[in-house]
Amino acid sequence: MAIYVLFTTLTAEGRKSLKKNPGRIWGVNKEVEQMGAKIISQYKLLGDYDFINIVEAPNNNVISRVAIELGSRGTLQPIIMAATTIEDFVKEIEMATAIRKD
């Protein structure tokens, strides 16, 4: 499964909704899982973004569908970034270096 970082910013409507029903976050997490992705970790942020989620999804199409579905509700603005574990990153560099030596 691929790893993605999902930054979200609440809209005015999203802030109203969250204030009225803070537990709605858990429901959204379940909906994300029903769309084929899995929330690995989740944090509330102070600054330019309201939340950061580390998400696993099988591919770019699934995470794109998640972002479109969540964003279309008008309660948040999502930004997605693909991520790679440091272990996988180091392996790729080592593999590229080995190929160049041959």
Protein backbone atom coordinates (compact mmCIF):
# COMPACT_ATOMS: atom_id res chain seq x y z
CA MET A 1 0.00 0.00 0.00
CA ALA A 2 1.18 3.50 -0.78
CA ILE A 3 1.48 6.15 1.90
CA TYR A 4 0.04 9.63 1.54
CA VAL A 5 0.05 12.77 3.66
CA LEU A 6 -3.33 14.48 3.65
CA PHE A 7 -3.40 18.07 4.88
CA THR A 8 -6.84 19.55 5.41
CA THR A 9 -8.11 23.02 6.12
CA LEU A 10 -11.62 23.45 7.46
CA THR A 11 -14.00 25.81 5.70
CA ALA A 12 -16.36 28.04 7.69
CA GLU A 13 -19.02 25.35 7.22
CA GLY A 14 -16.58 22.70 8.43
CA ARG A 15 -15.76 24.65 11.60
CA LYS A 16 -19.47 25.01 12.36
CA SER A 17 -20.06 21.32 11.76
CA LEU A 18 -17.10 20.26 13.91
CA LYS A 19 -18.13 22.56 16.75
CA LYS A 20 -21.63 21.11 16.67
CA ASN A 21 -20.46 17.49 16.44
CA PRO A 22 -16.74 16.92 17.27
CA GLY A 23 -17.22 13.15 17.11
CA ARG A 24 -17.98 13.49 13.39
CA ILE A 25 -14.24 13.06 12.83
CA TRP A 26 -14.58 9.36 13.71
CA GLY A 27 -17.40 8.98 11.21
CA VAL A 28 -15.34 10.56 8.45
CA ASN A 29 -12.47 8.19 9.28
CA LYS A 30 -14.82 5.24 8.79
CA GLU A 31 -16.01 6.68 5.47
CA VAL A 32 -12.39 7.00 4.31
CA GLU A 33 -11.88 3.32 5.11
CA GLN A 34 -15.05 2.40 3.20
CA MET A 35 -13.52 4.19 0.18
CA GLY A 36 -10.50 1.85 0.35
CA ALA A 37 -7.96 3.90 2.32
CA LYS A 38 -6.82 3.58 5.92
CA ILE A 39 -5.91 6.38 8.33
CA ILE A 40 -2.63 5.45 10.00
CA SER A 41 -2.31 8.53 12.21
CA GLN A 42 -4.07 11.84 12.59
CA TYR A 43 -3.18 15.13 14.27
CA LYS A 44 -4.78 18.54 14.82
CA LEU A 45 -2.43 21.31 13.72
CA LEU A 46 -1.93 24.95 14.57
CA GLY A 47 -0.92 27.04 11.57
CA ASP A 48 -1.79 26.99 7.89
CA TYR A 49 -3.56 23.60 8.04
CA ASP A 50 -6.08 22.29 10.54
CA PHE A 51 -5.28 18.56 10.31
CA ILE A 52 -2.62 16.20 9.03
CA ASN A 53 -3.45 12.57 8.31
CA ILE A 54 -1.07 9.81 7.33
CA VAL A 55 -3.09 7.54 5.06
CA GLU A 56 -2.49 4.23 3.31
CA ALA A 57 -4.20 3.61 -0.01
CA PRO A 58 -3.63 1.04 -2.75
CA ASN A 59 -2.95 3.69 -5.40
CA ASN A 60 -3.25 7.32 -6.51
CA ASN A 61 -6.77 6.77 -7.85
CA VAL A 62 -8.14 5.70 -4.47
CA ILE A 63 -6.57 8.59 -2.55
CA SER A 64 -7.74 11.01 -5.25
CA ARG A 65 -11.28 9.69 -4.88
CA VAL A 66 -11.04 10.17 -1.10
CA ALA A 67 -9.87 13.77 -1.52
CA ILE A 68 -12.55 14.58 -4.10
CA GLU A 69 -15.30 13.07 -1.97
CA LEU A 70 -14.22 14.86 1.19
CA GLY A 71 -13.59 18.16 -0.59
CA SER A 72 -16.91 18.07 -2.45
CA ARG A 73 -18.81 18.29 0.83
CA GLY A 74 -17.75 21.88 1.31
CA THR A 75 -16.44 21.38 4.84
CA LEU A 76 -12.73 21.08 4.10
CA GLN A 77 -10.04 21.71 1.52
CA PRO A 78 -7.68 18.72 1.10
CA ILE A 79 -4.09 18.66 -0.12
CA ILE A 80 -2.48 15.28 -0.84
CA MET A 81 1.21 14.42 -1.02
CA ALA A 82 2.67 11.02 -1.78
CA ALA A 83 5.16 9.82 0.82
CA THR A 84 7.88 7.20 0.99
CA THR A 85 9.33 5.59 4.09
CA ILE A 86 12.95 6.43 4.77
CA GLU A 87 13.78 2.72 4.55
CA ASP A 88 12.34 2.48 1.02
CA PHE A 89 14.02 5.72 0.03
CA VAL A 90 17.45 4.50 1.18
CA LYS A 91 16.92 1.17 -0.64
CA GLU A 92 16.14 3.03 -3.87
CA ILE A 93 19.28 5.14 -3.58
CA GLU A 94 21.39 2.07 -2.83
CA MET A 95 19.87 0.24 -5.79
CA ALA A 96 20.51 3.17 -8.13
CA THR A 97 24.08 3.42 -6.90
CA ALA A 98 24.61 -0.32 -7.46
CA ILE A 99 23.24 -0.09 -11.01
CA ARG A 100 25.62 2.77 -11.86
CA LYS A 101 28.61 0.76 -10.60
CA ASP A 102 27.85 -2.12 -13.00
